[in-house]
């Protein structure tokens, strides 16, 4: 199995979900234009199963926050690495995500995100 994914999870204020969704729909299109086969994000609705560490605890989310869990699928790690380089240089991407990092009202805080790249296993 040679496909590769980037996975991520982070807390976000529930009150910011609609604005975040508007922004990330365009973000997904950019990632796909650089080789992502699929871009998915989901919002939490069940985070407690007895005997496990919840995402809410893991990410130290507040009561007014929910968790976004997502992943991007790539044909290979090489395609993923090239996509990361291209997206980082894309001026349109910087323009689209700028509202997420507004100094007065940041929607997204990268330091609170769990992230990793994963090779196919089974």
PDB file of N, CA and C in Angstrom:
ATOM      1  N   UNK A   1       0.859  -1.179   0.000  1.00  0.00           N
ATOM      2  CA  UNK A   1       0.000   0.000   0.000  1.00  0.00           C
ATOM      3  C   UNK A   1       0.894   1.227   0.000  1.00  0.00           C
ATOM      4  N   UNK A   2       0.830   2.019  -1.043  1.00  0.00           N
ATOM      5  CA  UNK A   2       1.725   3.166  -1.135  1.00  0.00           C
ATOM      6  C   UNK A   2       1.044   4.506  -0.891  1.00  0.00           C
ATOM      7  N   UNK A   3      -0.277   4.504  -0.691  1.00  0.00           N
ATOM      8  CA  UNK A   3      -0.918   5.788  -0.450  1.00  0.00           C
ATOM      9  C   UNK A   3      -0.446   6.372   0.880  1.00  0.00           C
ATOM     10  N   UNK A   4      -0.728   7.636   1.072  1.00  0.00           N
ATOM     11  CA  UNK A   4      -0.214   8.369   2.224  1.00  0.00           C
ATOM     12  C   UNK A   4      -1.280   9.363   2.662  1.00  0.00           C
ATOM     13  N   UNK A   5      -1.414   9.533   3.970  1.00  0.00           N
ATOM     14  CA  UNK A   5      -2.357  10.539   4.461  1.00  0.00           C
ATOM     15  C   UNK A   5      -1.685  11.487   5.447  1.00  0.00           C
ATOM     16  N   UNK A   6      -2.225  12.680   5.507  1.00  0.00           N
ATOM     17  CA  UNK A   6      -1.954  13.616   6.595  1.00  0.00           C
ATOM     18  C   UNK A   6      -3.216  13.632   7.431  1.00  0.00           C
ATOM     19  N   UNK A   7      -3.076  13.423   8.735  1.00  0.00           N
ATOM     20  CA  UNK A   7      -4.212  13.469   9.635  1.00  0.00           C
ATOM     21  C   UNK A   7      -4.041  14.596  10.635  1.00  0.00           C
ATOM     22  N   UNK A   8      -5.149  15.160  11.074  1.00  0.00           N
ATOM     23  CA  UNK A   8      -5.070  16.270  12.030  1.00  0.00           C
ATOM     24  C   UNK A   8      -6.334  16.350  12.872  1.00  0.00           C
ATOM     25  N   UNK A   9      -6.177  16.935  14.036  1.00  0.00           N
ATOM     26  CA  UNK A   9      -7.304  17.205  14.929  1.00  0.00           C
ATOM     27  C   UNK A   9      -6.977  18.465  15.722  1.00  0.00           C
ATOM     28  N   UNK A  10      -7.986  19.303  15.922  1.00  0.00           N
ATOM     29  CA  UNK A  10      -7.779  20.527  16.702  1.00  0.00           C
ATOM     30  C   UNK A  10      -9.111  21.040  17.240  1.00  0.00           C
ATOM     31  N   UNK A  11      -9.051  21.792  18.335  1.00  0.00           N
ATOM     32  CA  UNK A  11     -10.268  22.396  18.876  1.00  0.00           C
ATOM     33  C   UNK A  11     -10.584  23.714  18.172  1.00  0.00           C
ATOM     34  N   UNK A  12     -11.864  24.012  18.105  1.00  0.00           N
ATOM     35  CA  UNK A  12     -12.312  25.281  17.520  1.00  0.00           C
ATOM     36  C   UNK A  12     -13.570  25.710  18.272  1.00  0.00           C
ATOM     37  N   UNK A  13     -13.738  27.000  18.429  1.00  0.00           N
ATOM     38  CA  UNK A  13     -14.947  27.505  19.082  1.00  0.00           C
ATOM     39  C   UNK A  13     -16.176  27.113  18.262  1.00  0.00           C
ATOM     40  N   UNK A  14     -17.177  26.600  18.925  1.00  0.00           N
ATOM     41  CA  UNK A  14     -18.405  26.216  18.224  1.00  0.00           C
ATOM     42  C   UNK A  14     -19.003  27.406  17.486  1.00  0.00           C
ATOM     43  N   UNK A  15     -18.857  28.598  18.065  1.00  0.00           N
ATOM     44  CA  UNK A  15     -19.405  29.809  17.446  1.00  0.00           C
ATOM     45  C   UNK A  15     -18.692  30.186  16.152  1.00  0.00           C
ATOM     46  N   UNK A  16     -17.529  29.598  15.889  1.00  0.00           N
ATOM     47  CA  UNK A  16     -16.755  29.916  14.685  1.00  0.00           C
ATOM     48  C   UNK A  16     -16.905  28.871  13.575  1.00  0.00           C
ATOM     49  N   UNK A  17     -17.685  27.833  13.811  1.00  0.00           N
ATOM     50  CA  UNK A  17     -17.790  26.732  12.849  1.00  0.00           C
ATOM     51  C   UNK A  17     -18.244  27.167  11.455  1.00  0.00           C
ATOM     52  N   UNK A  18     -19.237  28.005  11.366  1.00  0.00           N
ATOM     53  CA  UNK A  18     -19.748  28.410  10.051  1.00  0.00           C
ATOM     54  C   UNK A  18     -18.694  29.167   9.248  1.00  0.00           C
ATOM     55  N   UNK A  19     -18.023  30.110   9.879  1.00  0.00           N
ATOM     56  CA  UNK A  19     -16.964  30.850   9.187  1.00  0.00           C
ATOM     57  C   UNK A  19     -15.825  29.912   8.804  1.00  0.00           C
ATOM     58  N   UNK A  20     -15.442  29.039   9.717  1.00  0.00           N
ATOM     59  CA  UNK A  20     -14.381  28.079   9.418  1.00  0.00           C
ATOM     60  C   UNK A  20     -14.756  27.213   8.216  1.00  0.00           C
ATOM     61  N   UNK A  21     -15.989  26.751   8.178  1.00  0.00           N
ATOM     62  CA  UNK A  21     -16.439  25.893   7.073  1.00  0.00           C
ATOM     63  C   UNK A  21     -16.348  26.626   5.735  1.00  0.00           C
ATOM     64  N   UNK A  22     -16.746  27.887   5.702  1.00  0.00           N
ATOM     65  CA  UNK A  22     -16.650  28.679   4.470  1.00  0.00           C
ATOM     66  C   UNK A  22     -15.203  28.730   3.970  1.00  0.00           C
ATOM     67  N   UNK A  23     -14.288  28.954   4.879  1.00  0.00           N
ATOM     68  CA  UNK A  23     -12.877  29.080   4.521  1.00  0.00           C
ATOM     69  C   UNK A  23     -12.311  27.746   4.059  1.00  0.00           C
ATOM     70  N   UNK A  24     -12.571  26.704   4.802  1.00  0.00           N
ATOM     71  CA  UNK A  24     -11.937  25.411   4.543  1.00  0.00           C
ATOM     72  C   UNK A  24     -12.471  24.750   3.264  1.00  0.00           C
ATOM     73  N   UNK A  25     -13.642  25.119   2.818  1.00  0.00           N
ATOM     74  CA  UNK A  25     -14.122  24.593   1.535  1.00  0.00           C
ATOM     75  C   UNK A  25     -13.190  25.027   0.403  1.00  0.00           C
ATOM     76  N   UNK A  26     -12.712  26.258   0.453  1.00  0.00           N
ATOM     77  CA  UNK A  26     -11.749  26.736  -0.547  1.00  0.00           C
ATOM     78  C   UNK A  26     -10.366  26.122  -0.329  1.00  0.00           C
ATOM     79  N   UNK A  27     -10.003  25.924   0.926  1.00  0.00           N
ATOM     80  CA  UNK A  27      -8.723  25.280   1.250  1.00  0.00           C
ATOM     81  C   UNK A  27      -8.674  23.880   0.638  1.00  0.00           C
ATOM     82  N   UNK A  28      -9.759  23.147   0.746  1.00  0.00           N
ATOM     83  CA  UNK A  28      -9.822  21.793   0.193  1.00  0.00           C
ATOM     84  C   UNK A  28      -9.580  21.805  -1.310  1.00  0.00           C
ATOM     85  N   UNK A  29     -10.146  22.763  -2.008  1.00  0.00           N
ATOM     86  CA  UNK A  29      -9.957  22.847  -3.456  1.00  0.00           C
ATOM     87  C   UNK A  29      -8.495  23.078  -3.822  1.00  0.00           C
ATOM     88  N   UNK A  30      -7.821  23.902  -3.041  1.00  0.00           N
ATOM     89  CA  UNK A  30      -6.402  24.151  -3.316  1.00  0.00           C
ATOM     90  C   UNK A  30      -5.594  22.883  -3.101  1.00  0.00           C
ATOM     91  N   UNK A  31      -5.822  22.193  -1.986  1.00  0.00           N
ATOM     92  CA  UNK A  31      -5.088  20.949  -1.741  1.00  0.00           C
ATOM     93  C   UNK A  31      -5.327  19.948  -2.866  1.00  0.00           C
ATOM     94  N   UNK A  32      -6.555  19.855  -3.322  1.00  0.00           N
ATOM     95  CA  UNK A  32      -6.867  18.915  -4.407  1.00  0.00           C
ATOM     96  C   UNK A  32      -6.183  19.333  -5.708  1.00  0.00           C
ATOM     97  N   UNK A  33      -6.050  20.616  -5.933  1.00  0.00           N
ATOM     98  CA  UNK A  33      -5.383  21.073  -7.156  1.00  0.00           C
ATOM     99  C   UNK A  33      -3.896  20.726  -7.154  1.00  0.00           C
ATOM    100  N   UNK A  34      -3.341  20.455  -5.979  1.00  0.00           N
ATOM    101  CA  UNK A  34      -1.928  20.087  -5.871  1.00  0.00           C
ATOM    102  C   UNK A  34      -1.721  18.595  -5.602  1.00  0.00           C
ATOM    103  N   UNK A  35      -2.760  17.791  -5.770  1.00  0.00           N
ATOM    104  CA  UNK A  35      -2.548  16.357  -5.716  1.00  0.00           C
ATOM    105  C   UNK A  35      -3.269  15.575  -4.642  1.00  0.00           C
ATOM    106  N   UNK A  36      -3.975  16.242  -3.742  1.00  0.00           N
ATOM    107  CA  UNK A  36      -4.743  15.478  -2.751  1.00  0.00           C
ATOM    108  C   UNK A  36      -5.881  14.760  -3.472  1.00  0.00           C
ATOM    109  N   UNK A  37      -5.996  13.476  -3.236  1.00  0.00           N
ATOM    110  CA  UNK A  37      -7.078  12.691  -3.824  1.00  0.00           C
ATOM    111  C   UNK A  37      -8.380  12.990  -3.096  1.00  0.00           C
ATOM    112  N   UNK A  38      -8.271  13.215  -1.806  1.00  0.00           N
ATOM    113  CA  UNK A  38      -9.444  13.468  -0.979  1.00  0.00           C
ATOM    114  C   UNK A  38      -9.052  14.405   0.159  1.00  0.00           C
ATOM    115  N   UNK A  39      -9.976  15.262   0.541  1.00  0.00           N
ATOM    116  CA  UNK A  39      -9.804  16.168   1.681  1.00  0.00           C
ATOM    117  C   UNK A  39     -11.083  16.101   2.486  1.00  0.00           C
ATOM    118  N   UNK A  40     -10.991  15.655   3.730  1.00  0.00           N
ATOM    119  CA  UNK A  40     -12.172  15.488   4.578  1.00  0.00           C
ATOM    120  C   UNK A  40     -11.952  16.143   5.935  1.00  0.00           C
ATOM    121  N   UNK A  41     -12.987  16.771   6.452  1.00  0.00           N
ATOM    122  CA  UNK A  41     -12.992  17.278   7.818  1.00  0.00           C
ATOM    123  C   UNK A  41     -14.338  16.950   8.441  1.00  0.00           C
ATOM    124  N   UNK A  42     -14.294  16.583   9.714  1.00  0.00           N
ATOM    125  CA  UNK A  42     -15.489  16.218  10.459  1.00  0.00           C
ATOM    126  C   UNK A  42     -15.497  16.970  11.777  1.00  0.00           C
ATOM    127  N   UNK A  43     -16.694  17.218  12.292  1.00  0.00           N
ATOM    128  CA  UNK A  43     -16.826  17.913  13.574  1.00  0.00           C
ATOM    129  C   UNK A  43     -17.331  16.924  14.622  1.00  0.00           C
ATOM    130  N   UNK A  44     -16.820  17.064  15.819  1.00  0.00           N
ATOM    131  CA  UNK A  44     -17.117  16.114  16.903  1.00  0.00           C
ATOM    132  C   UNK A  44     -18.583  16.147  17.320  1.00  0.00           C
ATOM    133  N   UNK A  45     -19.071  14.989  17.729  1.00  0.00           N
ATOM    134  CA  UNK A  45     -20.386  14.929  18.357  1.00  0.00           C
ATOM    135  C   UNK A  45     -20.460  13.824  19.407  1.00  0.00           C
ATOM    136  N   UNK A  46     -19.445  12.959  19.465  1.00  0.00           N
ATOM    137  CA  UNK A  46     -19.384  11.930  20.504  1.00  0.00           C
ATOM    138  C   UNK A  46     -17.917  11.759  20.879  1.00  0.00           C
ATOM    139  N   UNK A  47     -17.558  12.243  22.048  1.00  0.00           N
ATOM    140  CA  UNK A  47     -16.141  12.271  22.408  1.00  0.00           C
ATOM    141  C   UNK A  47     -15.802  11.505  23.672  1.00  0.00           C
ATOM    142  N   UNK A  48     -16.743  10.816  24.246  1.00  0.00           N
ATOM    143  CA  UNK A  48     -16.480  10.113  25.491  1.00  0.00           C
ATOM    144  C   UNK A  48     -16.845   8.652  25.380  1.00  0.00           C
ATOM    145  N   UNK A  49     -15.863   7.799  25.471  1.00  0.00           N
ATOM    146  CA  UNK A  49     -16.089   6.360  25.584  1.00  0.00           C
ATOM    147  C   UNK A  49     -15.271   5.908  26.779  1.00  0.00           C
ATOM    148  N   UNK A  50     -15.944   5.323  27.729  1.00  0.00           N
ATOM    149  CA  UNK A  50     -15.305   4.922  28.977  1.00  0.00           C
ATOM    150  C   UNK A  50     -14.042   4.107  28.719  1.00  0.00           C
ATOM    151  N   UNK A  51     -12.989   4.472  29.440  1.00  0.00           N
ATOM    152  CA  UNK A  51     -11.732   3.747  29.343  1.00  0.00           C
ATOM    153  C   UNK A  51     -10.785   4.257  28.277  1.00  0.00           C
ATOM    154  N   UNK A  52     -11.194   5.333  27.573  1.00  0.00           N
ATOM    155  CA  UNK A  52     -10.312   5.899  26.545  1.00  0.00           C
ATOM    156  C   UNK A  52     -10.047   7.377  26.832  1.00  0.00           C
ATOM    157  N   UNK A  53      -9.002   7.884  26.237  1.00  0.00           N
ATOM    158  CA  UNK A  53      -8.690   9.308  26.309  1.00  0.00           C
ATOM    159  C   UNK A  53      -9.448  10.001  25.187  1.00  0.00           C
ATOM    160  N   UNK A  54     -10.282  10.948  25.516  1.00  0.00           N
ATOM    161  CA  UNK A  54     -11.072  11.625  24.489  1.00  0.00           C
ATOM    162  C   UNK A  54     -10.220  12.665  23.769  1.00  0.00           C
ATOM    163  N   UNK A  55     -10.619  12.970  22.540  1.00  0.00           N
ATOM    164  CA  UNK A  55      -9.948  14.027  21.788  1.00  0.00           C
ATOM    165  C   UNK A  55     -10.055  15.352  22.532  1.00  0.00           C
ATOM    166  N   UNK A  56     -11.179  15.573  23.180  1.00  0.00           N
ATOM    167  CA  UNK A  56     -11.378  16.826  23.915  1.00  0.00           C
ATOM    168  C   UNK A  56     -10.334  16.967  25.033  1.00  0.00           C
ATOM    169  N   UNK A  57     -10.066  15.860  25.748  1.00  0.00           N
ATOM    170  CA  UNK A  57      -9.044  15.893  26.794  1.00  0.00           C
ATOM    171  C   UNK A  57      -7.641  15.978  26.181  1.00  0.00           C
ATOM    172  N   UNK A  58      -7.408  15.197  25.162  1.00  0.00           N
ATOM    173  CA  UNK A  58      -6.099  15.182  24.507  1.00  0.00           C
ATOM    174  C   UNK A  58      -5.708  16.572  24.011  1.00  0.00           C
ATOM    175  N   UNK A  59      -6.672  17.278  23.429  1.00  0.00           N
ATOM    176  CA  UNK A  59      -6.400  18.591  22.840  1.00  0.00           C
ATOM    177  C   UNK A  59      -6.725  19.744  23.787  1.00  0.00           C
ATOM    178  N   UNK A  60      -7.077  19.400  25.023  1.00  0.00           N
ATOM    179  CA  UNK A  60      -7.383  20.387  26.055  1.00  0.00           C
ATOM    180  C   UNK A  60      -8.419  21.410  25.591  1.00  0.00           C
ATOM    181  N   UNK A  61      -9.493  20.897  24.997  1.00  0.00           N
ATOM    182  CA  UNK A  61     -10.567  21.752  24.499  1.00  0.00           C
ATOM    183  C   UNK A  61     -11.419  22.273  25.646  1.00  0.00           C
ATOM    184  N   UNK A  62     -11.883  23.488  25.499  1.00  0.00           N
ATOM    185  CA  UNK A  62     -12.783  24.106  26.473  1.00  0.00           C
ATOM    186  C   UNK A  62     -14.213  23.656  26.214  1.00  0.00           C
ATOM    187  N   UNK A  63     -15.105  23.964  27.146  1.00  0.00           N
ATOM    188  CA  UNK A  63     -16.503  23.547  27.014  1.00  0.00           C
ATOM    189  C   UNK A  63     -17.193  24.151  25.798  1.00  0.00           C
ATOM    190  N   UNK A  64     -16.758  25.328  25.368  1.00  0.00           N
ATOM    191  CA  UNK A  64     -17.390  25.984  24.220  1.00  0.00           C
ATOM    192  C   UNK A  64     -16.675  25.654  22.901  1.00  0.00           C
ATOM    193  N   UNK A  65     -15.830  24.624  22.928  1.00  0.00           N
ATOM    194  CA  UNK A  65     -15.112  24.213  21.725  1.00  0.00           C
ATOM    195  C   UNK A  65     -15.529  22.796  21.314  1.00  0.00           C
ATOM    196  N   UNK A  66     -15.447  22.557  20.032  1.00  0.00           N
ATOM    197  CA  UNK A  66     -15.632  21.212  19.505  1.00  0.00           C
ATOM    198  C   UNK A  66     -14.315  20.819  18.830  1.00  0.00           C
ATOM    199  N   UNK A  67     -14.249  19.599  18.360  1.00  0.00           N
ATOM    200  CA  UNK A  67     -13.025  19.111  17.733  1.00  0.00           C
ATOM    201  C   UNK A  67     -13.268  18.910  16.242  1.00  0.00           C
ATOM    202  N   UNK A  68     -12.345  19.396  15.446  1.00  0.00           N
ATOM    203  CA  UNK A  68     -12.314  19.107  14.015  1.00  0.00           C
ATOM    204  C   UNK A  68     -11.304  17.974  13.826  1.00  0.00           C
ATOM    205  N   UNK A  69     -11.709  16.950  13.107  1.00  0.00           N
ATOM    206  CA  UNK A  69     -10.850  15.810  12.806  1.00  0.00           C
ATOM    207  C   UNK A  69     -10.849  15.646  11.296  1.00  0.00           C
ATOM    208  N   UNK A  70      -9.676  15.609  10.706  1.00  0.00           N
ATOM    209  CA  UNK A  70      -9.639  15.524   9.254  1.00  0.00           C
ATOM    210  C   UNK A  70      -8.415  14.826   8.722  1.00  0.00           C
ATOM    211  N   UNK A  71      -8.456  14.594   7.419  1.00  0.00           N
ATOM    212  CA  UNK A  71      -7.308  13.990   6.747  1.00  0.00           C
ATOM    213  C   UNK A  71      -7.337  14.300   5.262  1.00  0.00           C
ATOM    214  N   UNK A  72      -6.168  14.230   4.691  1.00  0.00           N
ATOM    215  CA  UNK A  72      -5.985  14.362   3.256  1.00  0.00           C
ATOM    216  C   UNK A  72      -5.350  13.070   2.770  1.00  0.00           C
ATOM    217  N   UNK A  73      -5.808  12.563   1.634  1.00  0.00           N
ATOM    218  CA  UNK A  73      -5.257  11.344   1.064  1.00  0.00           C
ATOM    219  C   UNK A  73      -4.453  11.715  -0.183  1.00  0.00           C
ATOM    220  N   UNK A  74      -3.269  11.130  -0.279  1.00  0.00           N
ATOM    221  CA  UNK A  74      -2.390  11.341  -1.424  1.00  0.00           C
ATOM    222  C   UNK A  74      -1.999   9.998  -2.026  1.00  0.00           C
ATOM    223  N   UNK A  75      -1.653  10.010  -3.290  1.00  0.00           N
ATOM    224  CA  UNK A  75      -1.229   8.791  -3.976  1.00  0.00           C
ATOM    225  C   UNK A  75       0.024   8.192  -3.342  1.00  0.00           C
ATOM    226  N   UNK A  76       0.907   9.067  -2.847  1.00  0.00           N
ATOM    227  CA  UNK A  76       2.165   8.616  -2.256  1.00  0.00           C
ATOM    228  C   UNK A  76       2.723   9.716  -1.366  1.00  0.00           C
ATOM    229  N   UNK A  77       3.750   9.387  -0.595  1.00  0.00           N
ATOM    230  CA  UNK A  77       4.414  10.401   0.234  1.00  0.00           C
ATOM    231  C   UNK A  77       5.085  11.449  -0.646  1.00  0.00           C
ATOM    232  N   UNK A  78       5.617  11.006  -1.779  1.00  0.00           N
ATOM    233  CA  UNK A  78       6.267  11.956  -2.697  1.00  0.00           C
ATOM    234  C   UNK A  78       5.269  13.005  -3.185  1.00  0.00           C
ATOM    235  N   UNK A  79       4.073  12.561  -3.586  1.00  0.00           N
ATOM    236  CA  UNK A  79       3.031  13.500  -4.026  1.00  0.00           C
ATOM    237  C   UNK A  79       2.645  14.419  -2.870  1.00  0.00           C
ATOM    238  N   UNK A  80       2.542  13.860  -1.685  1.00  0.00           N
ATOM    239  CA  UNK A  80       2.205  14.663  -0.497  1.00  0.00           C
ATOM    240  C   UNK A  80       3.262  15.723  -0.232  1.00  0.00           C
ATOM    241  N   UNK A  81       4.542  15.337  -0.306  1.00  0.00           N
ATOM    242  CA  UNK A  81       5.624  16.289  -0.054  1.00  0.00           C
ATOM    243  C   UNK A  81       5.608  17.422  -1.075  1.00  0.00           C
ATOM    244  N   UNK A  82       5.379  17.095  -2.334  1.00  0.00           N
ATOM    245  CA  UNK A  82       5.299  18.119  -3.384  1.00  0.00           C
ATOM    246  C   UNK A  82       4.097  19.034  -3.159  1.00  0.00           C
ATOM    247  N   UNK A  83       2.987  18.463  -2.735  1.00  0.00           N
ATOM    248  CA  UNK A  83       1.791  19.263  -2.456  1.00  0.00           C
ATOM    249  C   UNK A  83       2.053  20.242  -1.313  1.00  0.00           C
ATOM    250  N   UNK A  84       2.710  19.776  -0.256  1.00  0.00           N
ATOM    251  CA  UNK A  84       3.029  20.664   0.867  1.00  0.00           C
ATOM    252  C   UNK A  84       3.869  21.847   0.408  1.00  0.00           C
ATOM    253  N   UNK A  85       4.872  21.579  -0.417  1.00  0.00           N
ATOM    254  CA  UNK A  85       5.717  22.661  -0.935  1.00  0.00           C
ATOM    255  C   UNK A  85       4.895  23.654  -1.745  1.00  0.00           C
ATOM    256  N   UNK A  86       4.049  23.154  -2.633  1.00  0.00           N
ATOM    257  CA  UNK A  86       3.253  24.024  -3.499  1.00  0.00           C
ATOM    258  C   UNK A  86       2.243  24.845  -2.710  1.00  0.00           C
ATOM    259  N   UNK A  87       1.558  24.212  -1.770  1.00  0.00           N
ATOM    260  CA  UNK A  87       0.549  24.919  -0.981  1.00  0.00           C
ATOM    261  C   UNK A  87       1.201  26.017  -0.143  1.00  0.00           C
ATOM    262  N   UNK A  88       2.367  25.733   0.421  1.00  0.00           N
ATOM    263  CA  UNK A  88       3.065  26.727   1.249  1.00  0.00           C
ATOM    264  C   UNK A  88       3.437  27.973   0.446  1.00  0.00           C
ATOM    265  N   UNK A  89       3.634  27.817  -0.852  1.00  0.00           N
ATOM    266  CA  UNK A  89       4.026  28.942  -1.709  1.00  0.00           C
ATOM    267  C   UNK A  89       2.851  29.610  -2.414  1.00  0.00           C
ATOM    268  N   UNK A  90       1.682  29.046  -2.311  1.00  0.00           N
ATOM    269  CA  UNK A  90       0.528  29.537  -3.064  1.00  0.00           C
ATOM    270  C   UNK A  90      -0.044  30.804  -2.429  1.00  0.00           C
ATOM    271  N   UNK A  91       0.035  31.956  -3.116  1.00  0.00           N
ATOM    272  CA  UNK A  91      -0.478  33.207  -2.535  1.00  0.00           C
ATOM    273  C   UNK A  91      -1.987  33.176  -2.299  1.00  0.00           C
ATOM    274  N   UNK A  92      -2.708  32.435  -3.134  1.00  0.00           N
ATOM    275  CA  UNK A  92      -4.155  32.340  -2.941  1.00  0.00           C
ATOM    276  C   UNK A  92      -4.466  31.650  -1.613  1.00  0.00           C
ATOM    277  N   UNK A  93      -3.691  30.613  -1.277  1.00  0.00           N
ATOM    278  CA  UNK A  93      -3.903  29.924  -0.007  1.00  0.00           C
ATOM    279  C   UNK A  93      -3.687  30.882   1.160  1.00  0.00           C
ATOM    280  N   UNK A  94      -2.639  31.672   1.100  1.00  0.00           N
ATOM    281  CA  UNK A  94      -2.358  32.628   2.182  1.00  0.00           C
ATOM    282  C   UNK A  94      -3.509  33.624   2.336  1.00  0.00           C
ATOM    283  N   UNK A  95      -4.061  34.051   1.226  1.00  0.00           N
ATOM    284  CA  UNK A  95      -5.179  34.995   1.262  1.00  0.00           C
ATOM    285  C   UNK A  95      -6.423  34.338   1.858  1.00  0.00           C
ATOM    286  N   UNK A  96      -6.707  33.099   1.454  1.00  0.00           N
ATOM    287  CA  UNK A  96      -7.898  32.403   1.931  1.00  0.00           C
ATOM    288  C   UNK A  96      -7.849  32.168   3.437  1.00  0.00           C
ATOM    289  N   UNK A  97      -6.689  31.747   3.950  1.00  0.00           N
ATOM    290  CA  UNK A  97      -6.608  31.379   5.372  1.00  0.00           C
ATOM    291  C   UNK A  97      -6.323  32.556   6.292  1.00  0.00           C
ATOM    292  N   UNK A  98      -6.057  33.722   5.758  1.00  0.00           N
ATOM    293  CA  UNK A  98      -5.733  34.891   6.600  1.00  0.00           C
ATOM    294  C   UNK A  98      -6.750  35.123   7.722  1.00  0.00           C
ATOM    295  N   UNK A  99      -8.060  35.026   7.466  1.00  0.00           N
ATOM    296  CA  UNK A  99      -9.020  35.251   8.566  1.00  0.00           C
ATOM    297  C   UNK A  99      -8.887  34.254   9.726  1.00  0.00           C
ATOM    298  N   UNK A 100      -8.341  33.082   9.452  1.00  0.00           N
ATOM    299  CA  UNK A 100      -8.168  32.096  10.521  1.00  0.00           C
ATOM    300  C   UNK A 100      -7.166  32.557  11.572  1.00  0.00           C
ATOM    301  N   UNK A 101      -6.250  33.428  11.157  1.00  0.00           N
ATOM    302  CA  UNK A 101      -5.153  33.844  12.022  1.00  0.00           C
ATOM    303  C   UNK A 101      -5.254  35.302  12.472  1.00  0.00           C
ATOM    304  N   UNK A 102      -6.429  35.901  12.364  1.00  0.00           N
ATOM    305  CA  UNK A 102      -6.647  37.282  12.788  1.00  0.00           C
ATOM    306  C   UNK A 102      -6.141  37.451  14.218  1.00  0.00           C
ATOM    307  N   UNK A 103      -5.264  38.419  14.440  1.00  0.00           N
ATOM    308  CA  UNK A 103      -4.656  38.634  15.767  1.00  0.00           C
ATOM    309  C   UNK A 103      -5.693  38.887  16.855  1.00  0.00           C
ATOM    310  N   UNK A 104      -6.759  39.603  16.529  1.00  0.00           N
ATOM    311  CA  UNK A 104      -7.765  39.958  17.522  1.00  0.00           C
ATOM    312  C   UNK A 104      -8.745  38.825  17.815  1.00  0.00           C
ATOM    313  N   UNK A 105      -9.014  37.990  16.804  1.00  0.00           N
ATOM    314  CA  UNK A 105      -9.982  36.904  16.960  1.00  0.00           C
ATOM    315  C   UNK A 105      -9.544  35.679  16.160  1.00  0.00           C
ATOM    316  N   UNK A 106      -8.450  35.036  16.579  1.00  0.00           N
ATOM    317  CA  UNK A 106      -7.992  33.875  15.806  1.00  0.00           C
ATOM    318  C   UNK A 106      -9.003  32.727  15.896  1.00  0.00           C
ATOM    319  N   UNK A 107      -9.272  32.131  14.747  1.00  0.00           N
ATOM    320  CA  UNK A 107     -10.181  30.991  14.695  1.00  0.00           C
ATOM    321  C   UNK A 107      -9.391  29.704  14.879  1.00  0.00           C
ATOM    322  N   UNK A 108      -8.189  29.700  14.346  1.00  0.00           N
ATOM    323  CA  UNK A 108      -7.357  28.496  14.325  1.00  0.00           C
ATOM    324  C   UNK A 108      -6.015  28.798  14.991  1.00  0.00           C
ATOM    325  N   UNK A 109      -5.601  27.918  15.902  1.00  0.00           N
ATOM    326  CA  UNK A 109      -4.318  28.071  16.581  1.00  0.00           C
ATOM    327  C   UNK A 109      -3.496  26.811  16.309  1.00  0.00           C
ATOM    328  N   UNK A 110      -2.514  26.896  15.394  1.00  0.00           N
ATOM    329  CA  UNK A 110      -1.752  25.710  15.004  1.00  0.00           C
ATOM    330  C   UNK A 110      -1.089  24.990  16.174  1.00  0.00           C
ATOM    331  N   UNK A 111      -0.730  25.716  17.191  1.00  0.00           N
ATOM    332  CA  UNK A 111      -0.059  25.096  18.340  1.00  0.00           C
ATOM    333  C   UNK A 111      -0.992  24.171  19.127  1.00  0.00           C
ATOM    334  N   UNK A 112      -2.284  24.236  18.846  1.00  0.00           N
ATOM    335  CA  UNK A 112      -3.248  23.349  19.516  1.00  0.00           C
ATOM    336  C   UNK A 112      -3.667  22.172  18.631  1.00  0.00           C
ATOM    337  N   UNK A 113      -3.051  22.069  17.466  1.00  0.00           N
ATOM    338  CA  UNK A 113      -3.410  21.012  16.525  1.00  0.00           C
ATOM    339  C   UNK A 113      -2.472  19.816  16.666  1.00  0.00           C
ATOM    340  N   UNK A 114      -3.057  18.624  16.662  1.00  0.00           N
ATOM    341  CA  UNK A 114      -2.274  17.388  16.550  1.00  0.00           C
ATOM    342  C   UNK A 114      -2.220  17.057  15.062  1.00  0.00           C
ATOM    343  N   UNK A 115      -1.051  16.715  14.569  1.00  0.00           N
ATOM    344  CA  UNK A 115      -0.865  16.477  13.131  1.00  0.00           C
ATOM    345  C   UNK A 115       0.127  15.336  12.928  1.00  0.00           C
ATOM    346  N   UNK A 116      -0.054  14.601  11.851  1.00  0.00           N
ATOM    347  CA  UNK A 116       0.920  13.581  11.496  1.00  0.00           C
ATOM    348  C   UNK A 116       0.696  13.059  10.101  1.00  0.00           C
ATOM    349  N   UNK A 117       1.781  12.549   9.505  1.00  0.00           N
ATOM    350  CA  UNK A 117       1.707  11.896   8.209  1.00  0.00           C
ATOM    351  C   UNK A 117       1.775  10.383   8.452  1.00  0.00           C
ATOM    352  N   UNK A 118       0.983   9.640   7.679  1.00  0.00           N
ATOM    353  CA  UNK A 118       0.855   8.214   7.907  1.00  0.00           C
ATOM    354  C   UNK A 118       0.923   7.434   6.598  1.00  0.00           C
ATOM    355  N   UNK A 119       1.732   6.383   6.606  1.00  0.00           N
ATOM    356  CA  UNK A 119       1.808   5.463   5.465  1.00  0.00           C
ATOM    357  C   UNK A 119       0.723   4.410   5.617  1.00  0.00           C
ATOM    358  N   UNK A 120       0.257   3.884   4.473  1.00  0.00           N
ATOM    359  CA  UNK A 120      -0.739   2.823   4.503  1.00  0.00           C
ATOM    360  C   UNK A 120      -0.211   1.609   5.257  1.00  0.00           C
ATOM    361  N   UNK A 121      -1.090   0.918   5.960  1.00  0.00           N
ATOM    362  CA  UNK A 121      -0.695  -0.213   6.794  1.00  0.00           C
ATOM    363  C   UNK A 121      -1.443  -1.486   6.415  1.00  0.00           C
ATOM    364  N   UNK A 122      -2.776  -1.417   6.343  1.00  0.00           N
ATOM    365  CA  UNK A 122      -3.546  -2.594   5.925  1.00  0.00           C
ATOM    366  C   UNK A 122      -4.517  -2.212   4.826  1.00  0.00           C
TER     367      UNK A 122
END
